[in-house]
PDB file of N, CA and C in Angstrom:
ATOM      1  N   MET A   1     116.707 102.640  95.311  1.00  0.00           N
ATOM      2  CA  MET A   1     116.177 103.705  95.698  1.00  0.00           C
ATOM      3  C   MET A   1     115.057 103.893  95.019  1.00  0.00           C
ATOM      4  N   LYS A   2     113.284 103.765  95.658  1.00  0.00           N
ATOM      5  CA  LYS A   2     112.501 104.011  94.684  1.00  0.00           C
ATOM      6  C   LYS A   2     112.130 105.705  94.885  1.00  0.00           C
ATOM      7  N   ARG A   3     111.839 106.170  93.828  1.00  0.00           N
ATOM      8  CA  ARG A   3     111.104 107.679  94.054  1.00  0.00           C
ATOM      9  C   ARG A   3     109.262 107.536  94.252  1.00  0.00           C
ATOM     10  N   PHE A   4     109.085 108.765  94.311  1.00  0.00           N
ATOM     11  CA  PHE A   4     107.722 108.768  94.812  1.00  0.00           C
ATOM     12  C   PHE A   4     107.158 108.471  92.977  1.00  0.00           C
ATOM     13  N   GLU A   5     107.035 109.018  92.082  1.00  0.00           N
ATOM     14  CA  GLU A   5     106.436 108.553  91.296  1.00  0.00           C
ATOM     15  C   GLU A   5     106.595 107.018  91.056  1.00  0.00           C
ATOM     16  N   ASP A   6     107.963 106.454  90.750  1.00  0.00           N
ATOM     17  CA  ASP A   6     108.384 104.506  90.535  1.00  0.00           C
ATOM     18  C   ASP A   6     106.951 104.065  91.311  1.00  0.00           C
ATOM     19  N   LEU A   7     107.326 104.227  92.607  1.00  0.00           N
ATOM     20  CA  LEU A   7     106.440 103.995  93.469  1.00  0.00           C
ATOM     21  C   LEU A   7     105.062 103.774  92.796  1.00  0.00           C
ATOM     22  N   PHE A   8     104.673 104.750  92.642  1.00  0.00           N
ATOM     23  CA  PHE A   8     103.035 105.165  92.567  1.00  0.00           C
ATOM     24  C   PHE A   8     102.664 104.468  91.119  1.00  0.00           C
ATOM     25  N   GLN A   9     103.523 104.007  90.371  1.00  0.00           N
ATOM     26  CA  GLN A   9     103.257 103.583  89.102  1.00  0.00           C
ATOM     27  C   GLN A   9     103.281 101.910  89.232  1.00  0.00           C
ATOM     28  N   GLU A  10     104.102 101.357  90.404  1.00  0.00           N
ATOM     29  CA  GLU A  10     104.312 100.313  90.323  1.00  0.00           C
ATOM     30  C   GLU A  10     103.146  99.841  91.156  1.00  0.00           C
ATOM     31  N   LEU A  11     102.692 100.825  91.967  1.00  0.00           N
ATOM     32  CA  LEU A  11     101.289 100.204  92.693  1.00  0.00           C
ATOM     33  C   LEU A  11      99.812 100.660  91.820  1.00  0.00           C
ATOM     34  N   LYS A  12      99.976 101.172  90.925  1.00  0.00           N
ATOM     35  CA  LYS A  12      99.246 101.513  90.001  1.00  0.00           C
ATOM     36  C   LYS A  12      99.066 100.214  88.821  1.00  0.00           C
ATOM     37  N   ASP A  13     100.193  99.832  88.731  1.00  0.00           N
ATOM     38  CA  ASP A  13     100.277  98.689  87.645  1.00  0.00           C
ATOM     39  C   ASP A  13      99.886  97.711  88.408  1.00  0.00           C
ATOM     40  N   LYS A  14     100.138  97.134  89.600  1.00  0.00           N
ATOM     41  CA  LYS A  14      99.628  95.905  90.431  1.00  0.00           C
ATOM     42  C   LYS A  14      98.071  95.761  90.225  1.00  0.00           C
ATOM     43  N   VAL A  15      97.542  97.212  90.547  1.00  0.00           N
ATOM     44  CA  VAL A  15      96.211  97.239  90.806  1.00  0.00           C
ATOM     45  C   VAL A  15      95.242  97.267  89.393  1.00  0.00           C
ATOM     46  N   ASP A  16      96.136  97.757  88.500  1.00  0.00           N
ATOM     47  CA  ASP A  16      95.755  97.760  87.216  1.00  0.00           C
ATOM     48  C   ASP A  16      95.611  95.986  86.368  1.00  0.00           C
ATOM     49  N   ARG A  17      96.262  95.374  86.995  1.00  0.00           N
ATOM     50  CA  ARG A  17      96.853  93.977  86.607  1.00  0.00           C
ATOM     51  C   ARG A  17      95.871  93.178  87.557  1.00  0.00           C
ATOM     52  N   GLN A  18      95.734  93.178  88.156  1.00  0.00           N
ATOM     53  CA  GLN A  18      94.433  92.886  89.888  1.00  0.00           C
ATOM     54  C   GLN A  18      95.754  91.611  90.782  1.00  0.00           C
ATOM     55  N   ASP A  19      96.969  92.040  90.771  1.00  0.00           N
ATOM     56  CA  ASP A  19      97.694  90.716  91.152  1.00  0.00           C
ATOM     57  C   ASP A  19      97.091  90.010  92.652  1.00  0.00           C
ATOM     58  N   PRO A  20      96.785  88.371  92.426  1.00  0.00           N
ATOM     59  CA  PRO A  20      95.949  88.318  93.373  1.00  0.00           C
ATOM     60  C   PRO A  20      96.920  88.234  94.758  1.00  0.00           C
ATOM     61  N   ASP A  21      98.878  88.642  94.206  1.00  0.00           N
ATOM     62  CA  ASP A  21      99.307  87.998  95.804  1.00  0.00           C
ATOM     63  C   ASP A  21     100.042  89.962  96.127  1.00  0.00           C
ATOM     64  N   SER A  22      98.970  91.021  95.830  1.00  0.00           N
ATOM     65  CA  SER A  22      99.061  91.734  96.316  1.00  0.00           C
ATOM     66  C   SER A  22      98.532  92.584  97.605  1.00  0.00           C
ATOM     67  N   GLY A  23      99.057  93.364  98.775  1.00  0.00           N
ATOM     68  CA  GLY A  23      98.506  93.898  99.560  1.00  0.00           C
ATOM     69  C   GLY A  23      97.844  94.839  98.914  1.00  0.00           C
ATOM     70  N   THR A  24      98.527  96.041  98.286  1.00  0.00           N
ATOM     71  CA  THR A  24      98.041  97.043  97.476  1.00  0.00           C
ATOM     72  C   THR A  24      96.776  96.737  96.907  1.00  0.00           C
ATOM     73  N   VAL A  25      96.408  94.973  96.217  1.00  0.00           N
ATOM     74  CA  VAL A  25      95.193  95.139  95.783  1.00  0.00           C
ATOM     75  C   VAL A  25      94.108  95.295  96.605  1.00  0.00           C
ATOM     76  N   ARG A  26      94.547  94.176  97.969  1.00  0.00           N
ATOM     77  CA  ARG A  26      93.459  94.057  98.660  1.00  0.00           C
ATOM     78  C   ARG A  26      93.193  94.787  99.532  1.00  0.00           C
ATOM     79  N   ALA A  27      94.270  96.322  99.536  1.00  0.00           N
ATOM     80  CA  ALA A  27      93.789  97.337 100.280  1.00  0.00           C
ATOM     81  C   ALA A  27      92.699  98.452  99.802  1.00  0.00           C
ATOM     82  N   VAL A  28      92.709  98.111  98.391  1.00  0.00           N
ATOM     83  CA  VAL A  28      92.014  99.427  97.422  1.00  0.00           C
ATOM     84  C   VAL A  28      90.873  98.663  97.508  1.00  0.00           C
ATOM     85  N   GLN A  29      90.501  97.038  97.421  1.00  0.00           N
ATOM     86  CA  GLN A  29      89.612  96.313  97.319  1.00  0.00           C
ATOM     87  C   GLN A  29      88.382  96.682  98.574  1.00  0.00           C
ATOM     88  N   ALA A  30      89.749  97.167  99.407  1.00  0.00           N
ATOM     89  CA  ALA A  30      88.670  97.435 101.268  1.00  0.00           C
ATOM     90  C   ALA A  30      88.100  98.622 101.059  1.00  0.00           C
ATOM     91  N   GLY A  31      88.629  99.622 100.536  1.00  0.00           N
ATOM     92  CA  GLY A  31      87.672 100.315 100.118  1.00  0.00           C
ATOM     93  C   GLY A  31      88.544 101.719 100.961  1.00  0.00           C
ATOM     94  N   SER A  32      88.192 103.184 100.640  1.00  0.00           N
ATOM     95  CA  SER A  32      88.521 104.377 101.508  1.00  0.00           C
ATOM     96  C   SER A  32      88.179 104.514 102.737  1.00  0.00           C
ATOM     97  N   HIS A  33      87.785 103.885 103.188  1.00  0.00           N
ATOM     98  CA  HIS A  33      87.696 103.597 104.263  1.00  0.00           C
ATOM     99  C   HIS A  33      88.926 103.369 105.735  1.00  0.00           C
ATOM    100  N   GLU A  34      88.597 102.312 104.889  1.00  0.00           N
ATOM    101  CA  GLU A  34      90.058 101.139 105.257  1.00  0.00           C
ATOM    102  C   GLU A  34      91.061 101.851 105.241  1.00  0.00           C
ATOM    103  N   ILE A  35      91.490 102.385 103.875  1.00  0.00           N
ATOM    104  CA  ILE A  35      92.236 102.923 103.560  1.00  0.00           C
ATOM    105  C   ILE A  35      92.586 104.235 104.731  1.00  0.00           C
ATOM    106  N   GLY A  36      91.555 104.940 104.652  1.00  0.00           N
ATOM    107  CA  GLY A  36      91.669 106.477 105.553  1.00  0.00           C
ATOM    108  C   GLY A  36      92.096 105.486 107.123  1.00  0.00           C
ATOM    109  N   LYS A  37      91.094 104.769 107.768  1.00  0.00           N
ATOM    110  CA  LYS A  37      91.657 104.196 109.119  1.00  0.00           C
ATOM    111  C   LYS A  37      93.368 103.668 109.294  1.00  0.00           C
ATOM    112  N   LYS A  38      94.564 103.559 107.853  1.00  0.00           N
ATOM    113  CA  LYS A  38      95.530 103.305 108.011  1.00  0.00           C
ATOM    114  C   LYS A  38      96.232 104.198 107.792  1.00  0.00           C
ATOM    115  N   ILE A  39      95.941 105.597 107.162  1.00  0.00           N
ATOM    116  CA  ILE A  39      96.359 106.933 107.021  1.00  0.00           C
ATOM    117  C   ILE A  39      96.990 107.489 108.210  1.00  0.00           C
ATOM    118  N   LEU A  40      95.453 107.533 108.926  1.00  0.00           N
ATOM    119  CA  LEU A  40      95.235 108.180 110.285  1.00  0.00           C
ATOM    120  C   LEU A  40      96.600 107.443 111.488  1.00  0.00           C
ATOM    121  N   GLU A  41      95.916 106.506 110.907  1.00  0.00           N
ATOM    122  CA  GLU A  41      97.616 104.869 112.098  1.00  0.00           C
ATOM    123  C   GLU A  41      98.535 105.501 112.053  1.00  0.00           C
ATOM    124  N   GLU A  42      99.329 105.405 110.759  1.00  0.00           N
ATOM    125  CA  GLU A  42     100.689 105.800 110.383  1.00  0.00           C
ATOM    126  C   GLU A  42     100.715 107.361 110.317  1.00  0.00           C
ATOM    127  N   ALA A  43     100.063 108.372 110.543  1.00  0.00           N
ATOM    128  CA  ALA A  43     100.368 109.482 110.434  1.00  0.00           C
ATOM    129  C   ALA A  43     100.074 110.149 111.693  1.00  0.00           C
ATOM    130  N   GLY A  44      99.993 109.268 112.800  1.00  0.00           N
ATOM    131  CA  GLY A  44     100.155 109.332 114.740  1.00  0.00           C
ATOM    132  C   GLY A  44     101.260 108.174 114.691  1.00  0.00           C
ATOM    133  N   GLU A  45     102.272 107.483 113.740  1.00  0.00           N
ATOM    134  CA  GLU A  45     103.152 107.009 113.777  1.00  0.00           C
ATOM    135  C   GLU A  45     104.723 107.905 113.635  1.00  0.00           C
ATOM    136  N   VAL A  46     104.034 108.453 112.978  1.00  0.00           N
ATOM    137  CA  VAL A  46     105.300 109.711 112.282  1.00  0.00           C
ATOM    138  C   VAL A  46     105.449 110.891 113.369  1.00  0.00           C
ATOM    139  N   TRP A  47     104.069 111.206 114.023  1.00  0.00           N
ATOM    140  CA  TRP A  47     104.326 111.868 114.737  1.00  0.00           C
ATOM    141  C   TRP A  47     105.317 111.651 116.035  1.00  0.00           C
ATOM    142  N   MET A  48     104.588 110.328 116.317  1.00  0.00           N
ATOM    143  CA  MET A  48     105.458 109.395 117.559  1.00  0.00           C
ATOM    144  C   MET A  48     106.784 109.769 117.367  1.00  0.00           C
ATOM    145  N   ALA A  49     107.754 109.070 116.334  1.00  0.00           N
ATOM    146  CA  ALA A  49     108.579 108.711 116.053  1.00  0.00           C
ATOM    147  C   ALA A  49     108.913 109.405 116.236  1.00  0.00           C
ATOM    148  N   ALA A  50     108.917 111.362 115.274  1.00  0.00           N
ATOM    149  CA  ALA A  50     109.353 112.622 115.343  1.00  0.00           C
ATOM    150  C   ALA A  50     109.799 112.584 116.404  1.00  0.00           C
ATOM    151  N   ASN A  51     108.568 112.231 117.761  1.00  0.00           N
ATOM    152  CA  ASN A  51     108.949 113.149 118.514  1.00  0.00           C
ATOM    153  C   ASN A  51     109.637 112.290 119.874  1.00  0.00           C
ATOM    154  N   HIS A  52     109.992 110.995 119.830  1.00  0.00           N
ATOM    155  CA  HIS A  52     110.873 110.099 120.551  1.00  0.00           C
ATOM    156  C   HIS A  52     111.697 108.916 120.182  1.00  0.00           C
ATOM    157  N   GLU A  53     111.815 109.081 118.282  1.00  0.00           N
ATOM    158  CA  GLU A  53     112.307 108.209 117.836  1.00  0.00           C
ATOM    159  C   GLU A  53     113.443 108.785 116.663  1.00  0.00           C
ATOM    160  N   THR A  54     114.598 107.953 116.365  1.00  0.00           N
ATOM    161  CA  THR A  54     115.419 108.451 115.397  1.00  0.00           C
ATOM    162  C   THR A  54     115.152 109.025 114.034  1.00  0.00           C
ATOM    163  N   PRO A  55     115.907 109.847 113.639  1.00  0.00           N
ATOM    164  CA  PRO A  55     115.532 110.603 112.184  1.00  0.00           C
ATOM    165  C   PRO A  55     114.806 109.543 111.281  1.00  0.00           C
ATOM    166  N   GLU A  56     116.051 107.916 111.394  1.00  0.00           N
ATOM    167  CA  GLU A  56     115.693 106.863 110.293  1.00  0.00           C
ATOM    168  C   GLU A  56     114.538 106.081 111.076  1.00  0.00           C
ATOM    169  N   ARG A  57     113.982 106.120 111.742  1.00  0.00           N
ATOM    170  CA  ARG A  57     112.713 105.534 112.833  1.00  0.00           C
ATOM    171  C   ARG A  57     111.732 106.340 111.831  1.00  0.00           C
ATOM    172  N   THR A  58     112.172 107.885 111.986  1.00  0.00           N
ATOM    173  CA  THR A  58     111.046 108.953 111.347  1.00  0.00           C
ATOM    174  C   THR A  58     110.514 108.622 110.367  1.00  0.00           C
ATOM    175  N   ALA A  59     111.791 108.480 109.366  1.00  0.00           N
ATOM    176  CA  ALA A  59     112.304 108.397 107.796  1.00  0.00           C
ATOM    177  C   ALA A  59     111.123 106.430 107.367  1.00  0.00           C
ATOM    178  N   GLU A  60     111.537 105.838 108.225  1.00  0.00           N
ATOM    179  CA  GLU A  60     110.516 104.654 107.877  1.00  0.00           C
ATOM    180  C   GLU A  60     109.174 105.159 107.712  1.00  0.00           C
ATOM    181  N   GLU A  61     108.384 105.361 109.107  1.00  0.00           N
ATOM    182  CA  GLU A  61     107.035 106.220 108.791  1.00  0.00           C
ATOM    183  C   GLU A  61     106.202 107.221 107.854  1.00  0.00           C
ATOM    184  N   ILE A  62     107.561 107.835 107.776  1.00  0.00           N
ATOM    185  CA  ILE A  62     107.101 108.735 106.943  1.00  0.00           C
ATOM    186  C   ILE A  62     107.157 107.940 105.322  1.00  0.00           C
ATOM    187  N   SER A  63     107.786 106.749 105.062  1.00  0.00           N
ATOM    188  CA  SER A  63     107.636 105.834 103.794  1.00  0.00           C
ATOM    189  C   SER A  63     106.266 105.199 103.760  1.00  0.00           C
ATOM    190  N   GLN A  64     105.997 104.709 104.823  1.00  0.00           N
ATOM    191  CA  GLN A  64     104.607 104.064 105.212  1.00  0.00           C
ATOM    192  C   GLN A  64     103.360 105.228 104.868  1.00  0.00           C
ATOM    193  N   LEU A  65     103.461 106.117 105.702  1.00  0.00           N
ATOM    194  CA  LEU A  65     102.433 106.805 105.448  1.00  0.00           C
ATOM    195  C   LEU A  65     102.138 107.414 103.703  1.00  0.00           C
ATOM    196  N   ILE A  66     103.461 107.180 103.388  1.00  0.00           N
ATOM    197  CA  ILE A  66     103.441 108.161 101.752  1.00  0.00           C
ATOM    198  C   ILE A  66     102.656 106.276 100.949  1.00  0.00           C
ATOM    199  N   TYR A  67     102.960 105.370 101.557  1.00  0.00           N
ATOM    200  CA  TYR A  67     103.187 104.540 100.255  1.00  0.00           C
ATOM    201  C   TYR A  67     100.990 104.099 101.082  1.00  0.00           C
ATOM    202  N   HIS A  68     100.224 104.528 101.950  1.00  0.00           N
ATOM    203  CA  HIS A  68      98.713 104.634 102.007  1.00  0.00           C
ATOM    204  C   HIS A  68      98.589 105.907 101.498  1.00  0.00           C
ATOM    205  N   ILE A  69      99.265 106.838 101.219  1.00  0.00           N
ATOM    206  CA  ILE A  69      98.443 108.346 100.684  1.00  0.00           C
ATOM    207  C   ILE A  69      98.512 107.565  99.278  1.00  0.00           C
ATOM    208  N   GLN A  70      99.454 106.555  98.881  1.00  0.00           N
ATOM    209  CA  GLN A  70      99.144 106.325  97.642  1.00  0.00           C
ATOM    210  C   GLN A  70      98.109 105.904  97.201  1.00  0.00           C
ATOM    211  N   VAL A  71      97.843 104.828  98.344  1.00  0.00           N
ATOM    212  CA  VAL A  71      97.125 103.709  97.849  1.00  0.00           C
ATOM    213  C   VAL A  71      95.871 104.469  97.626  1.00  0.00           C
ATOM    214  N   MET A  72      95.406 105.316  98.558  1.00  0.00           N
ATOM    215  CA  MET A  72      93.963 106.188  98.625  1.00  0.00           C
ATOM    216  C   MET A  72      94.077 106.823  97.568  1.00  0.00           C
ATOM    217  N   MET A  73      95.248 107.609  96.727  1.00  0.00           N
ATOM    218  CA  MET A  73      95.221 108.113  95.362  1.00  0.00           C
ATOM    219  C   MET A  73      94.411 106.994  94.642  1.00  0.00           C
ATOM    220  N   ILE A  74      94.941 105.902  94.501  1.00  0.00           N
ATOM    221  CA  ILE A  74      94.849 104.980  93.151  1.00  0.00           C
ATOM    222  C   ILE A  74      93.061 104.847  94.153  1.00  0.00           C
ATOM    223  N   ALA A  75      93.113 104.455  94.798  1.00  0.00           N
ATOM    224  CA  ALA A  75      91.652 103.891  94.755  1.00  0.00           C
ATOM    225  C   ALA A  75      90.602 105.080  94.385  1.00  0.00           C
ATOM    226  N   ARG A  76      90.903 106.231  94.341  1.00  0.00           N
ATOM    227  CA  ARG A  76      89.580 107.508  94.570  1.00  0.00           C
ATOM    228  C   ARG A  76      90.231 107.618  92.709  1.00  0.00           C
ATOM    229  N   ASP A  77      90.901 106.689  92.230  1.00  0.00           N
ATOM    230  CA  ASP A  77      91.653 107.035  90.578  1.00  0.00           C
ATOM    231  C   ASP A  77      92.175 108.261  90.495  1.00  0.00           C
ATOM    232  N   LEU A  78      92.854 108.998  91.426  1.00  0.00           N
ATOM    233  CA  LEU A  78      93.469 110.366  91.703  1.00  0.00           C
ATOM    234  C   LEU A  78      94.726 109.921  91.112  1.00  0.00           C
ATOM    235  N   SER A  79      95.253 110.689  89.670  1.00  0.00           N
ATOM    236  CA  SER A  79      96.668 110.496  89.066  1.00  0.00           C
ATOM    237  C   SER A  79      97.436 111.638  90.187  1.00  0.00           C
ATOM    238  N   LEU A  80      99.213 111.435  89.294  1.00  0.00           N
ATOM    239  CA  LEU A  80      99.888 112.819  90.425  1.00  0.00           C
ATOM    240  C   LEU A  80      99.617 114.093  90.003  1.00  0.00           C
ATOM    241  N   GLU A  81      99.607 114.055  89.287  1.00  0.00           N
ATOM    242  CA  GLU A  81      99.100 115.287  88.227  1.00  0.00           C
ATOM    243  C   GLU A  81      97.920 115.916  89.225  1.00  0.00           C
ATOM    244  N   ASP A  82      96.737 115.050  89.389  1.00  0.00           N
ATOM    245  CA  ASP A  82      95.549 115.626  90.168  1.00  0.00           C
ATOM    246  C   ASP A  82      95.855 116.345  91.683  1.00  0.00           C
ATOM    247  N   ILE A  83      97.651 115.909  92.311  1.00  0.00           N
ATOM    248  CA  ILE A  83      97.663 116.165  93.265  1.00  0.00           C
ATOM    249  C   ILE A  83      99.003 116.835  93.030  1.00  0.00           C
ATOM    250  N   TYR A  84      99.922 117.060  92.129  1.00  0.00           N
ATOM    251  CA  TYR A  84     101.078 118.356  92.165  1.00  0.00           C
ATOM    252  C   TYR A  84      99.870 119.923  91.439  1.00  0.00           C
ATOM    253  N   ARG A  85      98.608 119.745  91.655  1.00  0.00           N
ATOM    254  CA  ARG A  85      98.088 120.951  91.081  1.00  0.00           C
ATOM    255  C   ARG A  85      97.984 122.060  92.236  1.00  0.00           C
ATOM    256  N   HIS A  86      98.085 120.982  93.284  1.00  0.00           N
ATOM    257  CA  HIS A  86      97.429 121.547  94.156  1.00  0.00           C
ATOM    258  C   HIS A  86      99.200 121.931  95.748  1.00  0.00           C
ATOM    259  N   LEU A  87     100.095 121.348  94.987  1.00  0.00           N
ATOM    260  CA  LEU A  87     101.169 122.004  95.585  1.00  0.00           C
ATOM    261  C   LEU A  87     101.512 123.075  95.713  1.00  0.00           C
TER     262      LEU A  87
END
């Protein structure tokens, strides 16, 4: 099981290495506008799952939203500490 911090570091490492097989690298290269569209899409799917599907399906959608949020953090050069300051 991955934790938030572990996933963030894994994604950051892929971007730092410019892993040519990484969808994360391609997403960061596409830029914040495209990443933002995915965040909105995933947020809608979380909302729909929470209202119409199982808790397991809702958790899956939330995990996808977290992934795209972390991609945005990396694209905008934000650290975990940058975010934690606002929690």
